[in-house]
Amino acid sequence: MWRCAAPGLTVRCGSGFQALVLTALLVGLGMSAGLPLGALPEMLLPLAFVATLTAFIFSLFLYLKALVAPVSALAPGGNSGNPIYDFFLGRELNPRICSFDFKYFCELRPGLIGWVLINLALLVKEAELRGSPSLAMWLVNGFQLLYEAVLTTMDITHDGFGFMLAFGDIAWVPFTYSLQAQFLLHHPQPLGLPMAAIICLINAIGYYIFRGANSQKNTFRKNPSDPRVAGLETISTATGRQLLVSGWWGMVRHPNYLGDLIMALAWSLPCGVSHLLPYFYVLYFTALLVHREARDERQCLQKYGLAWQEYCRRVPYRIMPYIY
């Protein structure tokens, strides 16, 4: 569903971060040589159209490739017999040519790095128009760049790689996740230091919850005897796994989602409250995580049975304490 999330397999994204740093260096060198990065915002609409067309053609290639793939390479539910459904969700779990994995590449490279480049281009354009970027533009760029730099997990274990993920990676992420910066370019917002400090605090709280929850879970998976997690309460399952029922994971069932949503709100607040557009991401992401949480619940109930029912009884709130 176009976002890195925690429930699936943990994948270290070091190579993705290296690509981000390399891209930043190349763009910096290009700008010093006269690269007109500020012209990019004027091309967003045609670029979005080309990205969408590219995603469609690429997805068609993936679908045809999957027709000759072995059954062991197909995603769960990737061979439904409905060609439209399979084209959309993807038949192969991780389509490859030799050792090149298309899903890993697309999840880490074009969408996330394209998002950074568009944000940066909007910042440069604002500096050209108004003499310097606004504080609101700096905050949006800084928050979103920090988020990408620390992202370390992806949900890649269940969904096949079809049009849904290809379109999300190539077109949806860079052109819709940059809406706050796009809005600020055309609708500059005055932002004083006190309000900026409050927004930074909100983002820091979200970041702290997001990182703390993911780190706690990853540490427990690697070594339950680690002193940082050894004292946490757990529930034993029939599969031999242990479910955390204290710490971050005893507060709500998906504390990483809670942190993500708080950060999403902080990204929109620099845009003020005069227009709904900058808050599209928050609304969309809330719907996405609620849908994903429901899917996680079904999978965990099927996998852990009575242990999951006990966990839900002891941790009744799904994402937002005392609300949902």
Protein backbone atom coordinates (compact mmCIF):
# COMPACT_ATOMS: atom_id res chain seq x y z
CA MET A 1 0.00 0.00 0.00
CA TRP A 2 2.78 2.46 -0.82
CA ARG A 3 4.24 2.87 2.62
CA CYS A 4 7.03 1.16 4.49
CA ALA A 5 5.52 -0.48 7.55
CA ALA A 6 6.50 -2.72 10.39
CA PRO A 7 4.40 -5.91 10.37
CA GLY A 8 6.34 -7.65 7.64
CA LEU A 9 9.89 -8.78 7.26
CA THR A 10 12.50 -6.34 8.53
CA VAL A 11 14.81 -5.23 5.75
CA ARG A 12 17.79 -3.00 6.29
CA CYS A 13 17.71 -0.16 3.80
CA GLY A 14 21.37 0.80 3.94
CA SER A 15 21.75 0.66 0.18
CA GLY A 16 18.68 2.88 -0.18
CA PHE A 17 20.19 5.45 2.18
CA GLN A 18 23.47 5.32 0.26
CA ALA A 19 21.55 5.98 -2.95
CA LEU A 20 19.85 8.96 -1.29
CA VAL A 21 23.21 10.40 -0.21
CA LEU A 22 24.73 9.80 -3.64
CA THR A 23 21.75 11.48 -5.30
CA ALA A 24 22.10 14.48 -2.99
CA LEU A 25 25.78 14.80 -3.87
CA LEU A 26 25.09 14.59 -7.59
CA VAL A 27 22.28 17.16 -7.39
CA GLY A 28 24.55 19.45 -5.38
CA LEU A 29 27.28 19.17 -8.00
CA GLY A 30 24.71 19.73 -10.75
CA MET A 31 23.35 22.86 -9.09
CA SER A 32 26.85 24.23 -8.65
CA ALA A 33 27.33 23.67 -12.40
CA GLY A 34 24.10 25.51 -13.23
CA LEU A 35 21.45 22.77 -13.08
CA PRO A 36 18.08 24.64 -13.12
CA LEU A 37 16.45 22.62 -10.35
CA GLY A 38 13.99 25.45 -9.76
CA ALA A 39 12.40 24.71 -13.14
CA LEU A 40 11.20 21.29 -11.97
CA PRO A 41 7.99 22.51 -10.22
CA GLU A 42 6.65 23.80 -13.54
CA MET A 43 6.95 20.29 -15.00
CA LEU A 44 5.22 18.32 -12.24
CA LEU A 45 1.98 17.64 -14.13
CA PRO A 46 3.59 16.24 -17.32
CA LEU A 47 6.09 14.32 -15.19
CA ALA A 48 3.26 12.78 -13.17
CA PHE A 49 1.54 11.72 -16.40
CA VAL A 50 4.75 10.11 -17.71
CA ALA A 51 5.32 8.39 -14.35
CA THR A 52 1.79 6.96 -14.41
CA LEU A 53 2.24 5.71 -17.98
CA THR A 54 5.60 4.20 -17.04
CA ALA A 55 4.02 2.41 -14.07
CA PHE A 56 1.32 0.94 -16.32
CA ILE A 57 3.81 -0.34 -18.93
CA PHE A 58 6.13 -1.66 -16.23
CA SER A 59 3.23 -3.46 -14.53
CA LEU A 60 2.22 -5.06 -17.82
CA PHE A 61 5.79 -6.35 -18.19
CA LEU A 62 5.68 -7.74 -14.63
CA TYR A 63 2.35 -9.48 -15.31
CA LEU A 64 3.61 -11.11 -18.52
CA LYS A 65 6.84 -12.13 -16.81
CA ALA A 66 4.85 -13.75 -14.00
CA LEU A 67 2.97 -15.96 -16.47
CA VAL A 68 6.13 -18.04 -16.92
CA ALA A 69 7.31 -17.79 -13.30
CA PRO A 70 7.33 -20.94 -11.13
CA VAL A 71 4.47 -21.36 -8.67
CA SER A 72 6.92 -20.99 -5.77
CA ALA A 73 7.65 -17.41 -6.88
CA LEU A 74 4.02 -16.28 -6.80
CA ALA A 75 2.63 -14.09 -4.04
CA PRO A 76 -0.09 -15.42 -1.73
CA GLY A 77 -3.26 -14.87 -3.72
CA GLY A 78 -1.28 -13.82 -6.77
CA ASN A 79 -2.81 -16.50 -8.98
CA SER A 80 -6.51 -15.79 -8.47
CA GLY A 81 -7.46 -16.47 -12.10
CA ASN A 82 -8.81 -12.94 -12.49
CA PRO A 83 -6.32 -11.15 -14.79
CA ILE A 84 -7.40 -7.66 -13.72
CA TYR A 85 -7.06 -8.51 -10.03
CA ASP A 86 -3.71 -10.20 -10.55
CA PHE A 87 -2.44 -7.32 -12.70
CA PHE A 88 -3.37 -4.84 -9.97
CA LEU A 89 -2.00 -6.70 -6.93
CA GLY A 90 0.85 -8.52 -8.70
CA ARG A 91 1.37 -12.21 -9.34
CA GLU A 92 5.04 -12.54 -8.33
CA LEU A 93 6.10 -11.75 -4.79
CA ASN A 94 9.59 -10.50 -5.67
CA PRO A 95 10.07 -10.47 -9.47
CA ARG A 96 13.71 -10.63 -10.45
CA ILE A 97 16.00 -10.70 -13.44
CA CYS A 98 19.12 -12.53 -12.28
CA SER A 99 19.78 -11.06 -8.82
CA PHE A 100 18.08 -7.72 -9.52
CA ASP A 101 14.90 -7.48 -7.43
CA PHE A 102 12.40 -5.05 -8.94
CA LYS A 103 10.38 -4.68 -5.75
CA TYR A 104 13.36 -3.85 -3.53
CA PHE A 105 14.62 -1.34 -6.08
CA CYS A 106 11.30 0.44 -6.60
CA GLU A 107 10.39 0.53 -2.92
CA LEU A 108 13.68 2.21 -2.02
CA ARG A 109 14.70 4.29 -5.02
CA PRO A 110 12.41 6.13 -7.47
CA GLY A 111 9.52 7.08 -5.20
CA LEU A 112 11.39 8.08 -2.06
CA ILE A 113 14.29 9.80 -3.83
CA GLY A 114 11.90 11.43 -6.29
CA TRP A 115 9.93 12.79 -3.32
CA VAL A 116 13.11 14.36 -1.90
CA LEU A 117 14.06 15.89 -5.25
CA ILE A 118 10.62 17.43 -5.78
CA ASN A 119 10.64 18.90 -2.27
CA LEU A 120 14.11 20.32 -2.83
CA ALA A 121 13.11 21.78 -6.20
CA LEU A 122 10.11 23.48 -4.59
CA LEU A 123 12.37 24.93 -1.90
CA VAL A 124 14.78 26.25 -4.54
CA LYS A 125 11.91 27.71 -6.55
CA GLU A 126 10.57 29.52 -3.49
CA ALA A 127 14.02 30.96 -2.86
CA GLU A 128 14.10 32.22 -6.46
CA LEU A 129 10.66 33.82 -6.14
CA ARG A 130 10.92 35.33 -2.65
CA GLY A 131 14.61 35.68 -1.95
CA SER A 132 14.80 32.81 0.56
CA PRO A 133 12.77 29.73 1.52
CA SER A 134 10.16 30.28 4.21
CA LEU A 135 10.46 28.70 7.64
CA ALA A 136 7.41 26.57 6.82
CA MET A 137 9.11 25.23 3.66
CA TRP A 138 12.28 24.46 5.63
CA LEU A 139 10.28 22.51 8.21
CA VAL A 140 8.40 20.44 5.63
CA ASN A 141 11.62 19.59 3.78
CA GLY A 142 13.50 18.82 6.99
CA PHE A 143 10.79 16.62 8.53
CA GLN A 144 10.28 14.55 5.39
CA LEU A 145 14.00 14.18 4.67
CA LEU A 146 14.61 13.00 8.25
CA TYR A 147 11.80 10.47 7.89
CA GLU A 148 13.31 8.98 4.74
CA ALA A 149 16.82 8.92 6.17
CA VAL A 150 15.79 6.76 9.15
CA LEU A 151 13.27 4.46 7.45
CA THR A 152 14.46 0.89 8.01
CA THR A 153 11.51 -1.46 7.61
CA MET A 154 9.25 -2.53 4.78
CA ASP A 155 6.18 -4.70 4.56
CA ILE A 156 7.19 -6.89 1.63
CA THR A 157 6.24 -10.38 2.72
CA HIS A 158 2.67 -10.67 1.44
CA ASP A 159 1.84 -8.35 -1.45
CA GLY A 160 2.88 -9.22 -4.96
CA PHE A 161 4.54 -6.59 -7.10
CA GLY A 162 1.94 -5.37 -9.56
CA PHE A 163 0.33 -2.11 -10.62
CA MET A 164 -0.67 -1.14 -7.07
CA LEU A 165 2.90 -1.01 -5.76
CA ALA A 166 4.53 0.02 -9.05
CA PHE A 167 2.19 3.00 -9.43
CA GLY A 168 2.66 3.86 -5.77
CA ASP A 169 6.45 3.77 -5.96
CA ILE A 170 6.87 5.55 -9.29
CA ALA A 171 4.00 8.05 -9.37
CA TRP A 172 1.92 8.28 -6.19
CA VAL A 173 4.65 8.77 -3.60
CA PRO A 174 6.73 11.53 -5.22
CA PHE A 175 3.81 13.57 -6.58
CA THR A 176 1.30 13.33 -3.70
CA TYR A 177 3.60 13.10 -0.68
CA SER A 178 5.13 16.43 -1.75
CA LEU A 179 1.74 18.22 -1.63
CA GLN A 180 2.69 20.22 1.47
CA ALA A 181 5.73 21.73 -0.26
CA GLN A 182 3.70 22.29 -3.44
CA PHE A 183 1.04 24.11 -1.43
CA LEU A 184 3.58 26.34 0.32
CA LEU A 185 5.13 27.41 -2.99
CA HIS A 186 1.81 28.80 -4.22
CA HIS A 187 0.28 29.73 -0.83
CA PRO A 188 3.07 31.03 1.44
CA GLN A 189 2.24 30.80 5.13
CA PRO A 190 3.60 33.06 7.88
CA LEU A 191 5.06 30.92 10.66
CA GLY A 192 6.49 32.38 13.86
CA LEU A 193 9.16 30.74 15.96
CA PRO A 194 6.84 29.75 18.86
CA MET A 195 4.47 27.87 16.53
CA ALA A 196 7.43 26.35 14.68
CA ALA A 197 8.80 25.09 18.00
CA ILE A 198 5.44 23.48 18.84
CA ILE A 199 5.31 21.78 15.43
CA CYS A 200 8.87 20.52 15.88
CA LEU A 201 7.89 19.10 19.27
CA ILE A 202 4.90 17.28 17.74
CA ASN A 203 7.14 15.81 15.03
CA ALA A 204 9.72 14.78 17.65
CA ILE A 205 7.05 13.00 19.70
CA GLY A 206 5.86 11.11 16.65
CA TYR A 207 9.43 10.25 15.68
CA TYR A 208 10.20 9.06 19.21
CA ILE A 209 7.18 6.74 19.27
CA PHE A 210 7.79 5.47 15.72
CA ARG A 211 11.47 4.73 16.27
CA GLY A 212 11.03 3.45 19.80
CA ALA A 213 8.31 0.97 18.85
CA ASN A 214 10.13 -0.36 15.80
CA SER A 215 13.46 -0.59 17.63
CA GLN A 216 11.89 -2.42 20.55
CA LYS A 217 10.23 -4.95 18.26
CA ASN A 218 13.35 -5.48 16.14
CA THR A 219 15.57 -5.90 19.20
CA PHE A 220 13.16 -8.46 20.67
CA ARG A 221 13.03 -10.42 17.40
CA LYS A 222 16.80 -10.59 17.18
CA ASN A 223 17.52 -11.38 20.82
CA PRO A 224 14.73 -11.71 23.42
CA SER A 225 17.45 -11.86 26.11
CA ASP A 226 18.77 -8.41 25.25
CA PRO A 227 18.75 -6.32 28.47
CA ARG A 228 16.71 -3.63 26.70
CA VAL A 229 13.76 -6.00 26.22
CA ALA A 230 14.41 -8.92 28.58
CA GLY A 231 12.05 -7.53 31.22
CA LEU A 232 9.09 -7.08 28.88
CA GLU A 233 6.00 -9.23 29.42
CA THR A 234 5.08 -11.65 26.64
CA ILE A 235 2.40 -14.13 25.60
CA SER A 236 3.46 -17.53 24.26
CA THR A 237 1.91 -18.73 20.99
CA ALA A 238 1.34 -22.18 19.56
CA THR A 239 3.99 -21.47 16.91
CA GLY A 240 6.67 -20.95 19.54
CA ARG A 241 6.77 -17.19 19.01
CA GLN A 242 6.32 -14.64 21.79
CA LEU A 243 3.98 -11.65 21.55
CA LEU A 244 5.08 -8.50 23.35
CA VAL A 245 2.36 -7.32 25.69
CA SER A 246 4.20 -4.54 27.52
CA GLY A 247 6.43 -1.62 26.58
CA TRP A 248 5.33 0.20 23.43
CA TRP A 249 3.39 -2.87 22.26
CA GLY A 250 1.39 -2.96 25.47
CA MET A 251 0.15 0.60 24.94
CA VAL A 252 -1.58 -0.07 21.60
CA ARG A 253 -1.32 -2.91 19.08
CA HIS A 254 0.36 -0.73 16.47
CA PRO A 255 2.36 2.01 18.21
CA ASN A 256 4.51 2.49 15.10
CA TYR A 257 1.36 3.51 13.21
CA LEU A 258 0.54 6.01 15.95
CA GLY A 259 3.99 7.60 15.64
CA ASP A 260 3.65 7.70 11.86
CA LEU A 261 0.32 9.52 12.07
CA ILE A 262 1.65 12.10 14.54
CA MET A 263 4.56 12.84 12.20
CA ALA A 264 2.16 13.11 9.25
CA LEU A 265 0.19 15.75 11.14
CA ALA A 266 3.39 17.68 11.90
CA TRP A 267 4.23 17.74 8.17
CA SER A 268 0.92 19.46 7.42
CA LEU A 269 0.76 21.97 10.27
CA PRO A 270 3.33 24.39 8.73
CA CYS A 271 0.77 24.92 5.94
CA GLY A 272 -1.74 26.47 8.32
CA VAL A 273 -5.42 25.56 8.50
CA SER A 274 -6.90 27.64 5.67
CA HIS A 275 -7.04 24.80 3.15
CA LEU A 276 -7.68 21.04 3.25
CA LEU A 277 -5.17 20.13 0.53
CA PRO A 278 -2.06 19.97 2.75
CA TYR A 279 -3.95 17.58 5.04
CA PHE A 280 -4.77 15.15 2.23
CA TYR A 281 -1.77 13.06 3.21
CA VAL A 282 -2.93 12.79 6.83
CA LEU A 283 -6.43 11.73 5.78
CA TYR A 284 -5.17 9.30 3.15
CA PHE A 285 -2.55 7.82 5.47
CA THR A 286 -5.08 7.36 8.28
CA ALA A 287 -7.36 5.41 5.93
CA LEU A 288 -4.40 3.38 4.67
CA LEU A 289 -3.21 2.43 8.16
CA VAL A 290 -6.70 1.56 9.38
CA HIS A 291 -7.08 -0.73 6.36
CA ARG A 292 -3.64 -2.22 6.90
CA GLU A 293 -4.29 -2.70 10.59
CA ALA A 294 -7.47 -4.63 9.81
CA ARG A 295 -5.52 -6.84 7.42
CA ASP A 296 -2.81 -7.37 10.05
CA GLU A 297 -5.47 -8.36 12.58
CA ARG A 298 -6.84 -11.09 10.29
CA GLN A 299 -3.39 -12.44 9.53
CA CYS A 300 -2.30 -12.45 13.18
CA LEU A 301 -5.53 -14.13 14.30
CA GLN A 302 -5.03 -16.83 11.69
CA LYS A 303 -1.37 -17.28 12.66
CA TYR A 304 -1.50 -17.02 16.45
CA GLY A 305 -5.10 -18.03 17.26
CA LEU A 306 -5.94 -17.95 20.97
CA ALA A 307 -2.71 -16.13 21.83
CA TRP A 308 -3.72 -13.24 19.58
CA GLN A 309 -7.19 -13.14 21.11
CA GLU A 310 -5.58 -12.88 24.54
CA TYR A 311 -3.28 -10.12 23.30
CA CYS A 312 -6.28 -8.17 21.95
CA ARG A 313 -8.07 -8.57 25.27
CA ARG A 314 -5.09 -7.18 27.18
CA VAL A 315 -4.30 -4.46 24.61
CA PRO A 316 -7.77 -3.30 23.44
CA TYR A 317 -6.72 -0.19 21.50
CA ARG A 318 -5.46 -0.69 17.97
CA ILE A 319 -3.69 2.56 17.03
CA MET A 320 -4.87 5.50 19.15
CA PRO A 321 -5.08 5.00 22.95
CA TYR A 322 -8.62 5.40 24.32
CA ILE A 323 -9.93 6.31 20.85
CA TYR A 324 -9.32 3.44 18.39
